[in-house]
Amino acid sequence: MKHLNEQILLSLTPASVLTADNSVKTLMEDFDFLESWEDRYRFIIDLGEELEPLSAAEKTNETKVKGCVSQVWLVLNVEPGSPPLLNFRGESDAHIVRGLIAILLRLFNHISAQEILKTDAQQVFQLLGLDAHLSPQRSNGLSAMVRRIQDDARALLAMT
C-alpha cells in the first residue's frame, strides 16, 4: 500500500515539493510510522509548535483567512526569481489548526504559483488520512486555507 500511495502522491504533487527537505513525502512517511490517530494528532500539534509566531502587525484583516472557525492568519512572501517562489507563514489560536498550517507550509512553500495551482491538496490530505479524521469544521477550515493559498498564487500570476 505504501508504494501505491507514493505513486499516487507523485501524480498529485509537483516534483519540487517531493524533493524539499520538509516534503510531503517525508510527512507521509512520518504518518505511516505512527500507529494510531492519537499519535498522529500529537504529531500534528508538535508540527504546529515549531511554527514561528507572527507579529501583531502581521495579524490583519488582509492576512486573516476567511471561512475558518479558529483564528487563522497566512502571510505571503515572494522570493524573486524566474519563476518567483511563494513562501507562507501562518499562525492560529488553535493547536491542531497550527499543525494543519505546518502541513500546508510543507505542501506549498518554496514553489511557484503554477506549481501551487497544479497540486491537488485534497487528495494529498486523503493520502495522509486527514479527510477521514478531521471534524467537518476543521476540514472546512483546511479547505479555506488551501483556497487562500491558491488565490494568492492566482493573484501573483495575474500581476506577471
N, C-alpha and C. Protein backbone atom coordinates (compact mmCIF):
# COMPACT_ATOMS: atom_id res chain seq x y z
N MET A 1 0.83 -1.19 0.00
CA MET A 1 0.00 0.00 0.00
C MET A 1 0.87 1.25 0.00
N LYS A 2 1.95 1.23 0.76
CA LYS A 2 2.83 2.40 0.83
C LYS A 2 3.38 2.74 -0.55
N HIS A 3 3.78 1.75 -1.33
CA HIS A 3 4.31 2.01 -2.67
C HIS A 3 3.23 2.63 -3.55
N LEU A 4 2.01 2.15 -3.44
CA LEU A 4 0.91 2.70 -4.21
C LEU A 4 0.66 4.15 -3.82
N ASN A 5 0.66 4.45 -2.51
CA ASN A 5 0.49 5.83 -2.06
C ASN A 5 1.57 6.74 -2.60
N GLU A 6 2.80 6.28 -2.67
CA GLU A 6 3.88 7.10 -3.23
C GLU A 6 3.65 7.37 -4.71
N GLN A 7 3.16 6.38 -5.45
CA GLN A 7 2.87 6.58 -6.87
C GLN A 7 1.75 7.60 -7.04
N ILE A 8 0.72 7.50 -6.22
CA ILE A 8 -0.39 8.46 -6.28
C ILE A 8 0.12 9.84 -5.93
N LEU A 9 0.92 9.95 -4.89
CA LEU A 9 1.48 11.23 -4.47
C LEU A 9 2.28 11.87 -5.58
N LEU A 10 3.07 11.08 -6.28
CA LEU A 10 3.86 11.62 -7.39
C LEU A 10 2.99 12.21 -8.47
N SER A 11 1.82 11.63 -8.70
CA SER A 11 0.93 12.15 -9.74
C SER A 11 0.18 13.40 -9.29
N LEU A 12 0.11 13.67 -7.99
CA LEU A 12 -0.68 14.78 -7.47
C LEU A 12 0.14 16.00 -7.11
N THR A 13 1.44 15.84 -7.01
CA THR A 13 2.28 16.86 -6.42
C THR A 13 3.47 17.15 -7.31
N PRO A 14 3.79 18.45 -7.54
CA PRO A 14 4.98 18.77 -8.32
C PRO A 14 6.25 18.17 -7.71
N ALA A 15 7.20 17.84 -8.55
CA ALA A 15 8.43 17.19 -8.10
C ALA A 15 9.18 18.04 -7.08
N SER A 16 9.15 19.36 -7.22
CA SER A 16 9.89 20.21 -6.29
C SER A 16 9.36 20.07 -4.87
N VAL A 17 8.08 19.81 -4.69
CA VAL A 17 7.53 19.62 -3.36
C VAL A 17 8.04 18.32 -2.75
N LEU A 18 8.19 17.31 -3.59
CA LEU A 18 8.59 16.00 -3.09
C LEU A 18 10.07 15.90 -2.79
N THR A 19 10.87 16.83 -3.29
CA THR A 19 12.30 16.76 -3.05
C THR A 19 12.77 17.74 -1.98
N ALA A 20 11.89 18.62 -1.51
CA ALA A 20 12.28 19.57 -0.47
C ALA A 20 12.55 18.82 0.83
N ASP A 21 13.37 19.45 1.70
CA ASP A 21 13.71 18.82 2.98
C ASP A 21 12.47 18.50 3.80
N ASN A 22 11.50 19.38 3.81
CA ASN A 22 10.27 19.16 4.57
C ASN A 22 9.14 18.77 3.63
N SER A 23 9.39 17.81 2.82
CA SER A 23 8.46 17.43 1.77
C SER A 23 7.25 16.68 2.30
N VAL A 24 6.25 16.63 1.45
CA VAL A 24 5.06 15.86 1.76
C VAL A 24 5.39 14.38 1.82
N LYS A 25 6.32 13.93 1.00
CA LYS A 25 6.72 12.52 1.03
C LYS A 25 7.26 12.16 2.42
N THR A 26 8.09 13.03 2.96
CA THR A 26 8.63 12.81 4.31
C THR A 26 7.50 12.82 5.33
N LEU A 27 6.57 13.73 5.15
CA LEU A 27 5.42 13.80 6.06
C LEU A 27 4.61 12.52 6.00
N MET A 28 4.40 12.00 4.80
CA MET A 28 3.65 10.75 4.65
C MET A 28 4.39 9.60 5.34
N GLU A 29 5.70 9.58 5.21
CA GLU A 29 6.47 8.53 5.89
C GLU A 29 6.33 8.65 7.40
N ASP A 30 6.34 9.90 7.91
CA ASP A 30 6.14 10.11 9.35
C ASP A 30 4.76 9.61 9.79
N PHE A 31 3.73 9.91 8.99
CA PHE A 31 2.38 9.45 9.32
C PHE A 31 2.30 7.94 9.30
N ASP A 32 2.95 7.31 8.31
CA ASP A 32 2.94 5.84 8.22
C ASP A 32 3.60 5.21 9.44
N PHE A 33 4.61 5.87 9.97
CA PHE A 33 5.35 5.35 11.12
C PHE A 33 4.49 5.35 12.38
N LEU A 34 3.63 6.35 12.52
CA LEU A 34 2.78 6.46 13.71
C LEU A 34 1.60 5.51 13.58
N GLU A 35 1.34 4.74 14.63
CA GLU A 35 0.36 3.67 14.54
C GLU A 35 -1.07 4.10 14.77
N SER A 36 -1.30 5.08 15.62
CA SER A 36 -2.68 5.45 15.95
C SER A 36 -2.93 6.91 15.59
N TRP A 37 -4.22 7.24 15.47
CA TRP A 37 -4.56 8.62 15.18
C TRP A 37 -4.32 9.52 16.39
N GLU A 38 -4.33 8.98 17.57
CA GLU A 38 -3.96 9.76 18.74
C GLU A 38 -2.51 10.22 18.61
N ASP A 39 -1.63 9.32 18.18
CA ASP A 39 -0.22 9.69 17.96
C ASP A 39 -0.08 10.69 16.82
N ARG A 40 -0.87 10.53 15.79
CA ARG A 40 -0.81 11.44 14.64
C ARG A 40 -1.30 12.83 15.02
N TYR A 41 -2.35 12.92 15.86
CA TYR A 41 -2.81 14.22 16.33
C TYR A 41 -1.71 14.91 17.14
N ARG A 42 -1.06 14.14 17.99
CA ARG A 42 0.04 14.71 18.80
C ARG A 42 1.15 15.20 17.87
N PHE A 43 1.45 14.44 16.84
CA PHE A 43 2.47 14.83 15.86
C PHE A 43 2.06 16.12 15.14
N ILE A 44 0.78 16.22 14.76
CA ILE A 44 0.29 17.43 14.09
C ILE A 44 0.44 18.63 15.02
N ILE A 45 0.09 18.46 16.29
CA ILE A 45 0.24 19.54 17.27
C ILE A 45 1.71 19.92 17.40
N ASP A 46 2.60 18.93 17.46
CA ASP A 46 4.04 19.21 17.55
C ASP A 46 4.54 19.99 16.34
N LEU A 47 4.03 19.66 15.14
CA LEU A 47 4.41 20.42 13.95
C LEU A 47 4.02 21.88 14.10
N GLY A 48 2.84 22.12 14.63
CA GLY A 48 2.36 23.48 14.83
C GLY A 48 3.19 24.25 15.84
N GLU A 49 3.70 23.57 16.83
CA GLU A 49 4.52 24.24 17.85
C GLU A 49 5.86 24.71 17.29
N GLU A 50 6.27 24.14 16.14
CA GLU A 50 7.52 24.54 15.51
C GLU A 50 7.40 25.82 14.68
N LEU A 51 6.16 26.26 14.42
CA LEU A 51 5.96 27.46 13.60
C LEU A 51 6.44 28.70 14.34
N GLU A 52 7.07 29.60 13.58
CA GLU A 52 7.44 30.90 14.12
C GLU A 52 6.17 31.72 14.29
N PRO A 53 5.97 32.35 15.44
CA PRO A 53 4.76 33.16 15.60
C PRO A 53 4.80 34.39 14.70
N LEU A 54 3.63 34.83 14.28
CA LEU A 54 3.53 36.07 13.53
C LEU A 54 3.53 37.24 14.51
N SER A 55 3.98 38.37 14.04
CA SER A 55 3.94 39.57 14.88
C SER A 55 2.50 40.09 14.92
N ALA A 56 2.21 40.92 15.89
CA ALA A 56 0.88 41.51 15.98
C ALA A 56 0.56 42.32 14.72
N ALA A 57 1.55 42.96 14.15
CA ALA A 57 1.35 43.77 12.94
C ALA A 57 0.99 42.90 11.73
N GLU A 58 1.38 41.63 11.74
CA GLU A 58 1.07 40.73 10.63
C GLU A 58 -0.33 40.13 10.72
N LYS A 59 -0.96 40.25 11.86
CA LYS A 59 -2.30 39.70 12.07
C LYS A 59 -3.33 40.78 11.74
N THR A 60 -3.62 40.89 10.45
CA THR A 60 -4.53 41.92 9.96
C THR A 60 -5.74 41.27 9.29
N ASN A 61 -6.71 42.09 8.93
CA ASN A 61 -7.87 41.58 8.18
C ASN A 61 -7.44 41.02 6.84
N GLU A 62 -6.38 41.59 6.24
CA GLU A 62 -5.90 41.12 4.94
C GLU A 62 -5.24 39.74 5.04
N THR A 63 -4.60 39.46 6.17
CA THR A 63 -3.91 38.17 6.31
C THR A 63 -4.80 37.10 6.98
N LYS A 64 -5.92 37.52 7.53
CA LYS A 64 -6.83 36.58 8.19
C LYS A 64 -7.52 35.73 7.13
N VAL A 65 -7.61 34.44 7.39
CA VAL A 65 -8.26 33.51 6.47
C VAL A 65 -9.74 33.47 6.80
N LYS A 66 -10.54 33.78 5.81
CA LYS A 66 -12.00 33.74 5.95
C LYS A 66 -12.47 32.30 5.79
N GLY A 67 -13.46 31.91 6.58
CA GLY A 67 -14.02 30.58 6.46
C GLY A 67 -13.49 29.60 7.49
N CYS A 68 -12.66 30.08 8.40
CA CYS A 68 -12.15 29.22 9.47
C CYS A 68 -12.85 29.58 10.78
N VAL A 69 -13.23 28.58 11.55
CA VAL A 69 -13.83 28.83 12.85
C VAL A 69 -12.77 29.38 13.79
N SER A 70 -11.57 28.84 13.75
CA SER A 70 -10.46 29.34 14.55
C SER A 70 -9.91 30.60 13.90
N GLN A 71 -9.16 31.35 14.65
CA GLN A 71 -8.45 32.50 14.11
C GLN A 71 -7.24 31.96 13.34
N VAL A 72 -7.14 32.30 12.05
CA VAL A 72 -6.04 31.83 11.22
C VAL A 72 -5.55 33.01 10.38
N TRP A 73 -4.22 33.17 10.35
CA TRP A 73 -3.60 34.19 9.52
C TRP A 73 -2.54 33.53 8.65
N LEU A 74 -2.48 33.92 7.38
CA LEU A 74 -1.43 33.47 6.47
C LEU A 74 -0.79 34.70 5.84
N VAL A 75 0.52 34.74 5.91
CA VAL A 75 1.30 35.86 5.37
C VAL A 75 2.13 35.31 4.22
N LEU A 76 2.04 35.99 3.07
CA LEU A 76 2.77 35.58 1.88
C LEU A 76 4.03 36.41 1.71
N ASN A 77 5.13 35.73 1.41
CA ASN A 77 6.38 36.37 1.00
C ASN A 77 6.75 35.76 -0.34
N VAL A 78 7.19 36.59 -1.27
CA VAL A 78 7.54 36.13 -2.60
C VAL A 78 9.05 36.28 -2.77
N GLU A 79 9.72 35.17 -3.10
CA GLU A 79 11.15 35.19 -3.42
C GLU A 79 11.31 35.53 -4.88
N PRO A 80 12.04 36.61 -5.19
CA PRO A 80 12.25 36.94 -6.61
C PRO A 80 12.97 35.80 -7.32
N GLY A 81 12.70 35.64 -8.56
CA GLY A 81 13.34 34.61 -9.37
C GLY A 81 12.52 34.37 -10.60
N SER A 82 12.94 33.40 -11.36
CA SER A 82 12.23 33.06 -12.58
C SER A 82 11.92 31.56 -12.57
N PRO A 83 10.79 31.14 -12.15
CA PRO A 83 9.67 31.95 -11.65
C PRO A 83 9.87 32.31 -10.18
N PRO A 84 9.12 33.32 -9.71
CA PRO A 84 9.18 33.63 -8.27
C PRO A 84 8.64 32.46 -7.46
N LEU A 85 9.18 32.29 -6.27
CA LEU A 85 8.71 31.22 -5.37
C LEU A 85 7.90 31.83 -4.25
N LEU A 86 6.83 31.16 -3.88
CA LEU A 86 5.97 31.65 -2.81
C LEU A 86 6.33 30.95 -1.51
N ASN A 87 6.32 31.74 -0.45
CA ASN A 87 6.57 31.23 0.89
C ASN A 87 5.51 31.82 1.81
N PHE A 88 4.92 30.97 2.59
CA PHE A 88 3.88 31.39 3.52
C PHE A 88 4.35 31.17 4.94
N ARG A 89 3.85 32.03 5.81
CA ARG A 89 4.00 31.85 7.25
C ARG A 89 2.59 31.92 7.81
N GLY A 90 2.34 31.21 8.87
CA GLY A 90 0.98 31.21 9.39
C GLY A 90 0.91 30.99 10.87
N GLU A 91 -0.26 31.30 11.40
CA GLU A 91 -0.50 31.12 12.83
C GLU A 91 -1.99 30.94 13.06
N SER A 92 -2.32 30.26 14.15
CA SER A 92 -3.70 30.09 14.58
C SER A 92 -3.74 30.07 16.09
N ASP A 93 -4.94 30.34 16.62
CA ASP A 93 -5.13 30.27 18.06
C ASP A 93 -5.46 28.85 18.53
N ALA A 94 -5.59 27.90 17.60
CA ALA A 94 -5.92 26.51 17.94
C ALA A 94 -4.73 25.60 17.63
N HIS A 95 -4.39 24.71 18.55
CA HIS A 95 -3.21 23.86 18.42
C HIS A 95 -3.25 22.97 17.17
N ILE A 96 -4.34 22.26 16.97
CA ILE A 96 -4.40 21.35 15.81
C ILE A 96 -4.36 22.17 14.52
N VAL A 97 -5.03 23.30 14.49
CA VAL A 97 -5.04 24.12 13.29
C VAL A 97 -3.63 24.64 12.99
N ARG A 98 -2.87 24.99 14.03
CA ARG A 98 -1.47 25.39 13.81
C ARG A 98 -0.71 24.24 13.13
N GLY A 99 -0.97 23.01 13.55
CA GLY A 99 -0.34 21.86 12.93
C GLY A 99 -0.77 21.68 11.48
N LEU A 100 -2.04 21.92 11.21
CA LEU A 100 -2.52 21.84 9.83
C LEU A 100 -1.86 22.91 8.96
N ILE A 101 -1.64 24.09 9.54
CA ILE A 101 -0.91 25.14 8.82
C ILE A 101 0.50 24.64 8.50
N ALA A 102 1.15 24.00 9.46
CA ALA A 102 2.50 23.48 9.23
C ALA A 102 2.50 22.47 8.08
N ILE A 103 1.47 21.63 8.00
CA ILE A 103 1.37 20.68 6.89
C ILE A 103 1.21 21.43 5.57
N LEU A 104 0.36 22.44 5.56
CA LEU A 104 0.18 23.23 4.33
C LEU A 104 1.48 23.90 3.90
N LEU A 105 2.24 24.38 4.86
CA LEU A 105 3.51 25.03 4.52
C LEU A 105 4.48 24.03 3.89
N ARG A 106 4.45 22.80 4.36
CA ARG A 106 5.29 21.77 3.74
C ARG A 106 4.85 21.48 2.31
N LEU A 107 3.55 21.58 2.09
CA LEU A 107 3.00 21.30 0.77
C LEU A 107 3.21 22.45 -0.20
N PHE A 108 3.08 23.68 0.28
CA PHE A 108 3.02 24.83 -0.62
C PHE A 108 4.20 25.80 -0.56
N ASN A 109 5.11 25.68 0.37
CA ASN A 109 6.21 26.65 0.45
C ASN A 109 7.33 26.33 -0.52
N HIS A 110 8.01 27.38 -0.97
CA HIS A 110 9.20 27.28 -1.83
C HIS A 110 8.89 26.69 -3.19
N ILE A 111 7.68 26.95 -3.70
CA ILE A 111 7.32 26.52 -5.04
C ILE A 111 6.68 27.70 -5.77
N SER A 112 6.56 27.56 -7.06
CA SER A 112 5.98 28.63 -7.88
C SER A 112 4.46 28.64 -7.78
N ALA A 113 3.89 29.74 -8.22
CA ALA A 113 2.43 29.85 -8.25
C ALA A 113 1.83 28.77 -9.14
N GLN A 114 2.48 28.49 -10.26
CA GLN A 114 1.97 27.45 -11.16
C GLN A 114 1.95 26.09 -10.46
N GLU A 115 3.01 25.79 -9.71
CA GLU A 115 3.07 24.50 -9.00
C GLU A 115 2.00 24.43 -7.91
N ILE A 116 1.75 25.55 -7.25
CA ILE A 116 0.69 25.57 -6.23
C ILE A 116 -0.64 25.19 -6.86
N LEU A 117 -0.92 25.78 -8.01
CA LEU A 117 -2.20 25.53 -8.66
C LEU A 117 -2.30 24.12 -9.25
N LYS A 118 -1.17 23.47 -9.51
CA LYS A 118 -1.17 22.09 -10.01
C LYS A 118 -1.31 21.05 -8.90
N THR A 119 -1.01 21.43 -7.68
CA THR A 119 -1.00 20.49 -6.57
C THR A 119 -2.43 20.21 -6.11
N ASP A 120 -2.79 18.94 -6.04
CA ASP A 120 -4.11 18.53 -5.58
C ASP A 120 -4.06 18.28 -4.07
N ALA A 121 -4.26 19.35 -3.33
CA ALA A 121 -4.13 19.28 -1.88
C ALA A 121 -5.13 18.32 -1.26
N GLN A 122 -6.38 18.30 -1.76
CA GLN A 122 -7.40 17.43 -1.17
C GLN A 122 -6.99 15.96 -1.27
N GLN A 123 -6.41 15.57 -2.37
CA GLN A 123 -6.00 14.16 -2.49
C GLN A 123 -4.78 13.86 -1.62
N VAL A 124 -3.91 14.84 -1.44
CA VAL A 124 -2.79 14.65 -0.51
C VAL A 124 -3.35 14.45 0.90
N PHE A 125 -4.36 15.25 1.29
CA PHE A 125 -4.98 15.09 2.61
C PHE A 125 -5.61 13.71 2.75
N GLN A 126 -6.20 13.19 1.66
CA GLN A 126 -6.76 11.85 1.69
C GLN A 126 -5.67 10.81 1.92
N LEU A 127 -4.53 10.97 1.23
CA LEU A 127 -3.43 10.02 1.41
C LEU A 127 -2.90 10.03 2.84
N LEU A 128 -2.92 11.21 3.47
CA LEU A 128 -2.47 11.31 4.86
C LEU A 128 -3.55 10.84 5.83
N GLY A 129 -4.78 10.69 5.34
CA GLY A 129 -5.89 10.28 6.20
C GLY A 129 -6.57 11.44 6.90
N LEU A 130 -6.18 12.65 6.57
CA LEU A 130 -6.76 13.81 7.25
C LEU A 130 -8.24 13.96 6.92
N ASP A 131 -8.64 13.61 5.72
CA ASP A 131 -10.04 13.77 5.32
C ASP A 131 -10.98 12.96 6.20
N ALA A 132 -10.53 11.81 6.66
CA ALA A 132 -11.38 10.93 7.46
C ALA A 132 -11.26 11.17 8.97
N HIS A 133 -10.26 11.95 9.39
CA HIS A 133 -10.01 12.08 10.82
C HIS A 133 -10.10 13.52 11.34
N LEU A 134 -10.57 14.44 10.52
CA LEU A 134 -10.78 15.80 10.98
C LEU A 134 -12.28 16.05 11.09
N SER A 135 -12.66 16.88 12.03
CA SER A 135 -14.06 17.25 12.15
C SER A 135 -14.46 18.05 10.90
N PRO A 136 -15.76 18.10 10.60
CA PRO A 136 -16.20 18.89 9.44
C PRO A 136 -15.75 20.35 9.53
N GLN A 137 -15.78 20.94 10.72
CA GLN A 137 -15.33 22.33 10.87
C GLN A 137 -13.85 22.47 10.52
N ARG A 138 -13.02 21.55 10.99
CA ARG A 138 -11.59 21.63 10.68
C ARG A 138 -11.34 21.38 9.20
N SER A 139 -12.07 20.44 8.63
CA SER A 139 -11.94 20.17 7.18
C SER A 139 -12.32 21.40 6.37
N ASN A 140 -13.39 22.08 6.76
CA ASN A 140 -13.79 23.31 6.06
C ASN A 140 -12.72 24.39 6.22
N GLY A 141 -12.17 24.50 7.41
CA GLY A 141 -11.11 25.48 7.64
C GLY A 141 -9.87 25.17 6.83
N LEU A 142 -9.53 23.89 6.73
CA LEU A 142 -8.37 23.48 5.93
C LEU A 142 -8.60 23.82 4.47
N SER A 143 -9.81 23.58 3.98
CA SER A 143 -10.14 23.93 2.60
C SER A 143 -10.07 25.44 2.38
N ALA A 144 -10.50 26.21 3.37
CA ALA A 144 -10.43 27.67 3.27
C ALA A 144 -8.96 28.14 3.19
N MET A 145 -8.09 27.49 3.95
CA MET A 145 -6.67 27.85 3.89
C MET A 145 -6.07 27.52 2.53
N VAL A 146 -6.43 26.38 1.98
CA VAL A 146 -5.94 26.00 0.65
C VAL A 146 -6.44 27.00 -0.39
N ARG A 147 -7.73 27.36 -0.31
CA ARG A 147 -8.27 28.34 -1.26
C ARG A 147 -7.52 29.66 -1.17
N ARG A 148 -7.21 30.07 0.04
CA ARG A 148 -6.48 31.33 0.23
C ARG A 148 -5.10 31.26 -0.42
N ILE A 149 -4.40 30.17 -0.21
CA ILE A 149 -3.07 29.98 -0.81
C ILE A 149 -3.18 29.98 -2.33
N GLN A 150 -4.17 29.28 -2.86
CA GLN A 150 -4.37 29.24 -4.31
C GLN A 150 -4.77 30.62 -4.85
N ASP A 151 -5.60 31.36 -4.11
CA ASP A 151 -5.95 32.71 -4.53
C ASP A 151 -4.73 33.62 -4.57
N ASP A 152 -3.86 33.49 -3.59
CA ASP A 152 -2.62 34.28 -3.59
C ASP A 152 -1.77 33.92 -4.80
N ALA A 153 -1.71 32.63 -5.14
CA ALA A 153 -0.94 32.19 -6.31
C ALA A 153 -1.55 32.77 -7.58
N ARG A 154 -2.87 32.73 -7.71
CA ARG A 154 -3.54 33.29 -8.89
C ARG A 154 -3.30 34.80 -8.99
N ALA A 155 -3.35 35.49 -7.87
CA ALA A 155 -3.12 36.94 -7.88
C ALA A 155 -1.71 37.27 -8.32
N LEU A 156 -0.74 36.47 -7.89
CA LEU A 156 0.64 36.69 -8.31
C LEU A 156 0.78 36.45 -9.81
N LEU A 157 0.16 35.40 -10.31
CA LEU A 157 0.21 35.12 -11.75
C LEU A 157 -0.44 36.25 -12.56
N ALA A 158 -1.51 36.82 -12.04
CA ALA A 158 -2.20 37.90 -12.75
C ALA A 158 -1.35 39.16 -12.83
N MET A 159 -0.46 39.33 -11.86
CA MET A 159 0.42 40.52 -11.84
C MET A 159 1.61 40.38 -12.80
N THR A 160 1.93 39.17 -13.21
CA THR A 160 3.10 38.96 -14.07
C THR A 160 2.73 38.83 -15.51
